[in-house]
Amino acid sequence: MWTAWNGKSTSSRSLCPVLWPSPISTGAAARRLSCLRRISRHLDSVFEIRPGAEIAVEIDPRTITLEHVEALAASGLNRASLGVQDFDPRVQETIRRVQSFEQTAQVAVWLRNAGVKGPNLDLMYGLPLQTVESVKRSVDLARTLDPDRIALFGYAHVPWMKRHQALLPEEALTDAVARVEQREAANILLVEAGHVQIGIDHFAKPDDPMARQHKDGRLHRNFQGYTTDEAAVLIGFGTSAIGSLPQGYIQNAPSTVAYREAVRNGRIPVVRGVVLSEDDRLRRTIIERLMCDFSVDLDEVASEFSWNLSDFQPEIDVIDELARDGLVVRNGPTLTIPDEGRALVRNVCAVFDRYLENGTQRHSRAL
């Protein structure tokens, strides 16, 4: 999936499934390199890429080559995110994603030599066989690569959605208490290393654009995660990609065959869309501010959408129940998530999500 947001992309994911190894032959690698160059040339021909635009890509260190890194850099790449998950060999063997620290470090060197920022690293907790100590070792190794940003995701075990996850030994998965301990241990190490904690799962150097916008209260969050982008339009390219417009959301055909045929026949490959109402936009604003700032002024948001604070009374009644449990503090119209409750901020956000009331979908655990 190629996802461009006004010439930018974001590497954040709210759901991070385990990825199986995908070895690539020499011939396949050459074809991919040729395809990459063609795509880059075509994008340059149809879009005006402004100076300073962030062009980012997610990289699997197990399959990338120096030639691919150089081709990406020549195409304007200036930020890269490396998938790591965990550096512990036992964990890697269990999730069938073997990737040595040396592989990751080599790709980081290639990127820096090519003039690409970062790197950004994706780490996970809650994986099978992980312990507090193994997570801390992975964080310590990640820090030696001097990343600009680190995303620390909780593994989402959803085998009913991701069938390959059913192959994982469920008895080796960590329980809720262990997940919290792993998460907190990693958080402490990253903050002690000088990274700014951003939202629920991101860390960045103080001078990174994400840290600066977080400090200024201008950070945003979309369905892909935290982003510095303030554009109102996101255009998704590729199979199953999701786009965001002022009117709502759209999704491309989930089948590669259907997507390709639509494009070849001159049709927009969109198969579904969701129109946003004013109520949707209002609730989205509240949820976004809670997720980004851990605080929101309901009176201020209500005024922006021509609502009255009294319109939130059903939600305020539930919020007051959560406040008694310490998940949120309410001071009149202002809601604030305390430090000790930030890991459960989604529970507070859910109060304002009217689509959850009648939802029947199964989800992963909150932590």
Protein backbone atom coordinates (compact mmCIF):
# COMPACT_ATOMS: atom_id res chain seq x y z
CA MET A 1 0.00 0.00 0.00
CA TRP A 2 1.31 3.42 -0.92
CA THR A 3 -0.20 6.16 1.22
CA ALA A 4 0.59 9.77 0.47
CA TRP A 5 -0.69 12.68 2.52
CA ASN A 6 -0.06 15.93 0.67
CA GLY A 7 3.34 14.65 -0.40
CA LYS A 8 4.01 13.05 2.97
CA SER A 9 3.46 9.73 4.62
CA THR A 10 3.22 8.40 8.14
CA SER A 11 4.68 5.19 9.49
CA SER A 12 2.46 4.76 12.50
CA ARG A 13 0.15 1.80 12.92
CA SER A 14 -2.46 1.15 15.56
CA LEU A 15 -2.42 -2.57 14.77
CA CYS A 16 0.96 -4.18 14.20
CA PRO A 17 0.65 -7.82 13.16
CA VAL A 18 3.64 -10.12 13.16
CA LEU A 19 5.20 -10.32 9.72
CA TRP A 20 6.43 -13.61 8.29
CA PRO A 21 9.82 -13.67 6.48
CA SER A 22 9.65 -13.06 2.76
CA PRO A 23 12.98 -13.91 1.10
CA ILE A 24 13.40 -12.31 -2.32
CA SER A 25 15.40 -13.79 -5.18
CA THR A 26 17.97 -11.78 -7.10
CA GLY A 27 15.66 -11.55 -10.10
CA ALA A 28 12.70 -10.46 -8.01
CA ALA A 29 14.86 -7.85 -6.26
CA ALA A 30 15.95 -6.43 -9.62
CA ARG A 31 12.34 -6.24 -10.81
CA ARG A 32 11.29 -4.52 -7.59
CA LEU A 33 14.11 -2.01 -7.97
CA SER A 34 13.06 -1.26 -11.56
CA CYS A 35 9.44 -0.90 -10.47
CA LEU A 36 10.43 1.44 -7.65
CA ARG A 37 12.26 3.73 -10.06
CA ARG A 38 9.32 3.76 -12.48
CA ILE A 39 6.86 4.61 -9.71
CA SER A 40 9.11 7.40 -8.47
CA ARG A 41 9.43 8.92 -11.94
CA HIS A 42 5.68 8.72 -12.48
CA LEU A 43 4.86 10.36 -9.15
CA ASP A 44 7.26 13.19 -9.98
CA SER A 45 5.51 13.66 -13.32
CA VAL A 46 1.97 13.96 -11.95
CA PHE A 47 2.52 15.65 -8.57
CA GLU A 48 4.23 18.86 -7.59
CA ILE A 49 6.43 17.76 -4.70
CA ARG A 50 7.09 20.87 -2.68
CA PRO A 51 10.53 21.61 -1.21
CA GLY A 52 10.66 20.34 2.35
CA ALA A 53 7.94 17.74 1.80
CA GLU A 54 8.43 14.66 3.96
CA ILE A 55 8.81 11.53 1.85
CA ALA A 56 8.88 8.48 4.08
CA VAL A 57 8.85 4.73 3.67
CA GLU A 58 8.61 1.68 5.88
CA ILE A 59 11.51 -0.74 5.42
CA ASP A 60 11.93 -4.38 6.29
CA PRO A 61 15.67 -4.70 7.05
CA ARG A 62 15.56 -8.39 6.08
CA THR A 63 14.80 -7.70 2.43
CA ILE A 64 16.20 -4.24 1.62
CA THR A 65 19.49 -3.88 -0.25
CA LEU A 66 21.99 -1.05 -0.58
CA GLU A 67 20.83 -0.57 -4.19
CA HIS A 68 17.23 -0.12 -2.99
CA VAL A 69 18.28 2.39 -0.36
CA GLU A 70 20.23 4.40 -2.93
CA ALA A 71 17.29 4.30 -5.36
CA LEU A 72 14.92 5.50 -2.65
CA ALA A 73 17.28 8.31 -1.68
CA ALA A 74 17.58 9.35 -5.32
CA SER A 75 13.78 9.47 -5.44
CA GLY A 76 13.72 12.05 -2.64
CA LEU A 77 13.33 9.80 0.40
CA ASN A 78 14.17 11.76 3.55
CA ARG A 79 12.70 9.66 6.36
CA ALA A 80 12.59 5.90 6.90
CA SER A 81 11.01 3.64 9.48
CA LEU A 82 12.62 0.27 10.19
CA GLY A 83 10.49 -2.60 11.44
CA VAL A 84 12.19 -4.26 14.41
CA GLN A 85 9.54 -5.61 16.83
CA ASP A 86 12.15 -7.24 19.13
CA PHE A 87 15.86 -8.11 19.05
CA ASP A 88 15.62 -11.21 21.26
CA PRO A 89 16.48 -14.31 19.14
CA ARG A 90 14.02 -16.51 21.08
CA VAL A 91 11.17 -14.11 20.47
CA GLN A 92 12.12 -13.75 16.82
CA GLU A 93 12.16 -17.52 16.32
CA THR A 94 8.75 -17.84 17.98
CA ILE A 95 7.08 -15.19 15.84
CA ARG A 96 8.98 -16.40 12.76
CA ARG A 97 10.56 -13.04 12.09
CA VAL A 98 14.31 -13.59 12.45
CA GLN A 99 16.20 -10.33 12.04
CA SER A 100 19.59 -9.77 13.64
CA PHE A 101 20.61 -6.50 15.23
CA GLU A 102 23.48 -6.36 12.73
CA GLN A 103 21.01 -6.42 9.81
CA THR A 104 19.10 -3.50 11.26
CA ALA A 105 22.25 -1.55 12.10
CA GLN A 106 23.59 -2.05 8.56
CA VAL A 107 20.42 -0.62 7.00
CA ALA A 108 20.59 2.34 9.41
CA VAL A 109 24.14 3.05 8.21
CA TRP A 110 23.09 2.80 4.57
CA LEU A 111 20.27 5.27 5.16
CA ARG A 112 22.46 7.79 6.95
CA ASN A 113 25.14 7.54 4.28
CA ALA A 114 22.44 8.25 1.69
CA GLY A 115 21.36 11.38 3.58
CA VAL A 116 18.10 9.99 4.98
CA LYS A 117 16.99 11.16 8.42
CA GLY A 118 16.49 8.93 11.38
CA PRO A 119 15.97 6.15 11.31
CA ASN A 120 12.61 5.68 12.99
CA LEU A 121 12.23 2.31 14.70
CA ASP A 122 9.13 0.22 15.43
CA LEU A 123 9.31 -1.84 18.63
CA MET A 124 6.68 -4.01 20.28
CA TYR A 125 5.77 -5.36 23.70
CA GLY A 126 3.42 -8.19 24.57
CA LEU A 127 4.92 -10.64 22.09
CA PRO A 128 5.26 -14.34 22.96
CA LEU A 129 8.16 -15.06 25.34
CA GLN A 130 8.91 -11.39 25.94
CA THR A 131 9.85 -10.37 29.47
CA VAL A 132 10.54 -7.01 31.07
CA GLU A 133 14.27 -7.67 30.83
CA SER A 134 14.16 -8.76 27.18
CA VAL A 135 12.12 -5.68 26.24
CA LYS A 136 14.62 -3.46 28.05
CA ARG A 137 17.51 -5.12 26.18
CA SER A 138 15.76 -4.47 22.86
CA VAL A 139 15.20 -0.82 23.80
CA ASP A 140 18.87 -0.47 24.80
CA LEU A 141 19.98 -1.90 21.46
CA ALA A 142 17.55 0.34 19.59
CA ARG A 143 18.95 3.39 21.37
CA THR A 144 22.47 2.62 20.06
CA LEU A 145 21.14 3.30 16.54
CA ASP A 146 20.32 6.88 17.62
CA PRO A 147 16.78 6.94 16.14
CA ASP A 148 14.89 10.21 15.72
CA ARG A 149 11.64 8.45 16.65
CA ILE A 150 10.61 5.18 18.23
CA ALA A 151 7.13 3.74 18.05
CA LEU A 152 6.35 1.32 20.87
CA PHE A 153 3.29 -0.73 19.97
CA GLY A 154 1.50 -3.34 22.00
CA TYR A 155 1.16 -6.57 20.07
CA ALA A 156 -2.47 -7.01 19.03
CA HIS A 157 -3.38 -10.70 19.04
CA VAL A 158 -6.35 -10.88 16.67
CA PRO A 159 -6.19 -14.31 14.97
CA TRP A 160 -9.82 -13.92 13.86
CA MET A 161 -8.60 -11.02 11.70
CA LYS A 162 -5.00 -12.07 10.99
CA ARG A 163 -5.12 -15.82 10.43
CA HIS A 164 -1.36 -16.32 10.51
CA GLN A 165 -1.38 -15.22 14.16
CA ALA A 166 -3.23 -18.43 15.02
CA LEU A 167 0.12 -20.21 14.53
CA LEU A 168 1.60 -18.40 17.52
CA PRO A 169 1.69 -20.30 20.84
CA GLU A 170 -1.01 -18.50 22.84
CA GLU A 171 0.32 -19.98 26.08
CA ALA A 172 3.51 -17.94 25.52
CA LEU A 173 1.63 -14.64 25.24
CA THR A 174 2.05 -12.25 28.14
CA ASP A 175 -0.88 -11.39 30.39
CA ALA A 176 -2.21 -7.88 31.03
CA VAL A 177 -0.01 -7.26 34.08
CA ALA A 178 3.14 -8.30 32.23
CA ARG A 179 2.20 -6.12 29.24
CA VAL A 180 1.86 -3.08 31.51
CA GLU A 181 5.20 -3.83 33.17
CA GLN A 182 6.94 -4.21 29.79
CA ARG A 183 5.41 -1.02 28.48
CA GLU A 184 6.33 1.02 31.55
CA ALA A 185 9.90 -0.31 31.63
CA ALA A 186 10.41 0.65 27.99
CA ASN A 187 8.82 4.07 28.54
CA ILE A 188 11.18 4.85 31.41
CA LEU A 189 14.28 3.89 29.42
CA LEU A 190 13.27 5.97 26.41
CA VAL A 191 12.45 9.06 28.47
CA GLU A 192 15.70 8.71 30.43
CA ALA A 193 17.50 8.59 27.07
CA GLY A 194 16.11 12.04 26.28
CA HIS A 195 13.18 11.13 24.05
CA VAL A 196 9.92 13.01 24.48
CA GLN A 197 6.93 10.76 25.09
CA ILE A 198 4.22 11.55 22.58
CA GLY A 199 0.73 10.20 22.98
CA ILE A 200 0.32 6.55 23.86
CA ASP A 201 2.99 4.91 21.74
CA HIS A 202 5.52 7.35 20.27
CA PHE A 203 8.83 8.83 21.40
CA ALA A 204 10.90 11.44 19.59
CA LYS A 205 14.00 13.54 20.04
CA PRO A 206 13.15 17.00 21.45
CA ASP A 207 14.10 18.74 18.19
CA ASP A 208 12.06 16.37 16.00
CA PRO A 209 9.06 17.97 14.22
CA MET A 210 6.70 15.55 15.98
CA ALA A 211 8.02 16.59 19.40
CA ARG A 212 7.78 20.27 18.50
CA GLN A 213 4.18 20.00 17.31
CA HIS A 214 3.30 17.96 20.38
CA LYS A 215 4.72 20.74 22.55
CA ASP A 216 2.74 23.37 20.62
CA GLY A 217 -0.53 21.41 20.80
CA ARG A 218 -0.60 20.96 17.02
CA LEU A 219 -0.07 17.20 16.83
CA HIS A 220 -2.64 15.17 14.90
CA ARG A 221 -3.70 11.54 14.82
CA ASN A 222 -5.37 9.69 11.99
CA PHE A 223 -6.24 6.04 11.39
CA GLN A 224 -2.54 5.32 10.79
CA GLY A 225 -1.29 6.91 13.99
CA TYR A 226 0.33 10.18 15.10
CA THR A 227 1.35 12.60 12.37
CA THR A 228 2.76 16.10 11.97
CA ASP A 229 0.71 16.60 8.81
CA GLU A 230 -2.03 19.21 9.00
CA ALA A 231 -3.41 18.67 5.50
CA ALA A 232 -7.13 17.99 5.16
CA VAL A 233 -6.72 15.42 2.39
CA LEU A 234 -5.01 12.04 2.38
CA ILE A 235 -4.93 10.08 -0.87
CA GLY A 236 -4.37 6.35 -0.62
CA PHE A 237 -2.65 4.55 -3.51
CA GLY A 238 -2.70 0.79 -3.88
CA THR A 239 -4.72 -2.20 -2.85
CA SER A 240 -6.93 -1.61 0.23
CA ALA A 241 -5.42 1.84 0.88
CA ILE A 242 -7.66 4.25 2.81
CA GLY A 243 -8.02 7.93 1.95
CA SER A 244 -9.38 10.80 3.98
CA LEU A 245 -11.29 13.77 2.55
CA PRO A 246 -13.16 16.64 4.24
CA GLN A 247 -16.38 14.81 3.35
CA GLY A 248 -15.34 11.45 4.84
CA TYR A 249 -13.26 8.33 4.23
CA ILE A 250 -12.78 6.10 1.18
CA GLN A 251 -11.18 2.69 0.69
CA ASN A 252 -9.63 1.19 -2.41
CA ALA A 253 -10.44 -2.29 -3.69
CA PRO A 254 -8.97 -4.90 -1.28
CA SER A 255 -8.18 -7.26 -4.17
CA THR A 256 -5.05 -6.59 -6.23
CA VAL A 257 -6.79 -7.91 -9.35
CA ALA A 258 -9.81 -5.63 -8.85
CA TYR A 259 -7.61 -2.62 -8.09
CA ARG A 260 -5.44 -3.20 -11.16
CA GLU A 261 -8.41 -3.68 -13.47
CA ALA A 262 -10.08 -0.50 -12.27
CA VAL A 263 -6.94 1.55 -12.89
CA ARG A 264 -6.35 -0.01 -16.32
CA ASN A 265 -9.91 0.83 -17.32
CA GLY A 266 -9.62 4.44 -16.18
CA ARG A 267 -11.85 4.03 -13.13
CA ILE A 268 -11.16 5.27 -9.62
CA PRO A 269 -10.51 2.03 -7.67
CA VAL A 270 -12.61 3.06 -4.67
CA VAL A 271 -15.07 0.42 -3.45
CA ARG A 272 -16.57 2.01 -0.36
CA GLY A 273 -16.91 5.30 1.45
CA VAL A 274 -18.16 6.74 4.70
CA VAL A 275 -19.70 10.22 4.81
CA LEU A 276 -18.96 12.22 7.97
CA SER A 277 -21.72 14.16 9.67
CA GLU A 278 -21.13 17.25 11.81
CA ASP A 279 -21.62 15.03 14.83
CA ASP A 280 -18.89 12.71 13.52
CA ARG A 281 -16.50 15.61 13.07
CA LEU A 282 -17.20 16.97 16.54
CA ARG A 283 -16.58 13.60 18.18
CA ARG A 284 -13.48 13.03 16.05
CA THR A 285 -12.08 16.36 17.30
CA ILE A 286 -12.66 15.42 20.94
CA ILE A 287 -11.07 12.00 20.51
CA GLU A 288 -8.09 13.40 18.60
CA ARG A 289 -7.32 15.99 21.27
CA LEU A 290 -7.57 13.40 24.03
CA MET A 291 -5.25 11.05 22.13
CA CYS A 292 -2.74 13.80 21.28
CA ASP A 293 -2.90 16.19 24.25
CA PHE A 294 -4.53 14.02 26.95
CA SER A 295 -6.82 16.97 27.55
CA VAL A 296 -9.80 18.62 25.88
CA ASP A 297 -12.11 21.53 26.63
CA LEU A 298 -15.60 20.29 25.76
CA ASP A 299 -17.01 23.82 25.89
CA GLU A 300 -14.45 25.00 23.35
CA VAL A 301 -15.18 22.11 20.98
CA ALA A 302 -18.92 22.55 21.42
CA SER A 303 -18.67 26.21 20.44
CA GLU A 304 -16.65 25.34 17.35
CA PHE A 305 -19.46 23.07 16.14
CA SER A 306 -22.37 25.23 17.39
CA TRP A 307 -23.21 22.79 20.16
CA ASN A 308 -23.94 23.48 23.81
CA LEU A 309 -22.07 21.91 26.69
CA SER A 310 -25.38 20.46 27.89
CA ASP A 311 -25.49 18.32 24.74
CA PHE A 312 -22.64 16.27 26.28
CA GLN A 313 -24.55 15.42 29.44
CA PRO A 314 -24.90 11.66 28.68
CA GLU A 315 -21.16 11.44 28.02
CA ILE A 316 -20.32 13.56 31.10
CA ASP A 317 -22.30 11.17 33.30
CA VAL A 318 -20.12 8.28 32.08
CA ILE A 319 -16.96 10.39 32.36
CA ASP A 320 -17.76 11.08 36.01
CA GLU A 321 -17.92 7.31 36.61
CA LEU A 322 -14.49 6.89 35.00
CA ALA A 323 -13.21 9.81 37.09
CA ARG A 324 -14.07 7.89 40.25
CA ASP A 325 -11.79 5.12 38.96
CA GLY A 326 -8.97 7.60 38.32
CA LEU A 327 -8.99 7.26 34.52
CA VAL A 328 -9.83 10.93 33.93
CA VAL A 329 -10.09 14.21 35.82
CA ARG A 330 -12.97 16.55 35.02
CA ASN A 331 -12.74 20.22 35.92
CA GLY A 332 -15.99 21.66 34.61
CA PRO A 333 -15.89 21.26 30.82
CA THR A 334 -12.19 20.32 30.77
CA LEU A 335 -11.18 16.66 30.72
CA THR A 336 -7.61 15.66 31.55
CA ILE A 337 -6.05 12.23 31.51
CA PRO A 338 -3.67 11.80 34.48
CA ASP A 339 -0.22 10.35 33.87
CA GLU A 340 -1.13 7.07 35.50
CA GLY A 341 -4.20 6.72 33.28
CA ARG A 342 -2.67 7.48 29.89
CA ALA A 343 -2.34 3.84 28.90
CA LEU A 344 -6.15 3.60 29.14
CA VAL A 345 -6.97 6.82 27.29
CA ARG A 346 -8.86 4.77 24.67
CA ASN A 347 -11.41 3.89 27.35
CA VAL A 348 -12.15 7.59 27.83
CA CYS A 349 -12.23 8.22 24.08
CA ALA A 350 -14.71 5.37 23.67
CA VAL A 351 -17.28 7.36 25.67
CA PHE A 352 -17.51 9.80 22.74
CA ASP A 353 -17.55 7.16 19.99
CA ARG A 354 -21.21 6.53 19.27
CA TYR A 355 -20.35 3.76 16.79
CA LEU A 356 -19.08 1.56 19.61
CA GLU A 357 -22.47 1.34 21.33
CA ASN A 358 -23.92 -1.18 18.92
CA GLY A 359 -20.67 -2.59 17.55
CA THR A 360 -20.28 -6.35 17.41
CA GLN A 361 -16.68 -6.57 16.25
CA ARG A 362 -14.07 -8.25 18.41
CA HIS A 363 -11.03 -6.21 19.28
CA SER A 364 -7.61 -6.72 20.85
CA ARG A 365 -6.95 -5.82 24.47
CA ALA A 366 -6.57 -2.12 25.30
CA LEU A 367 -3.05 -2.43 26.71
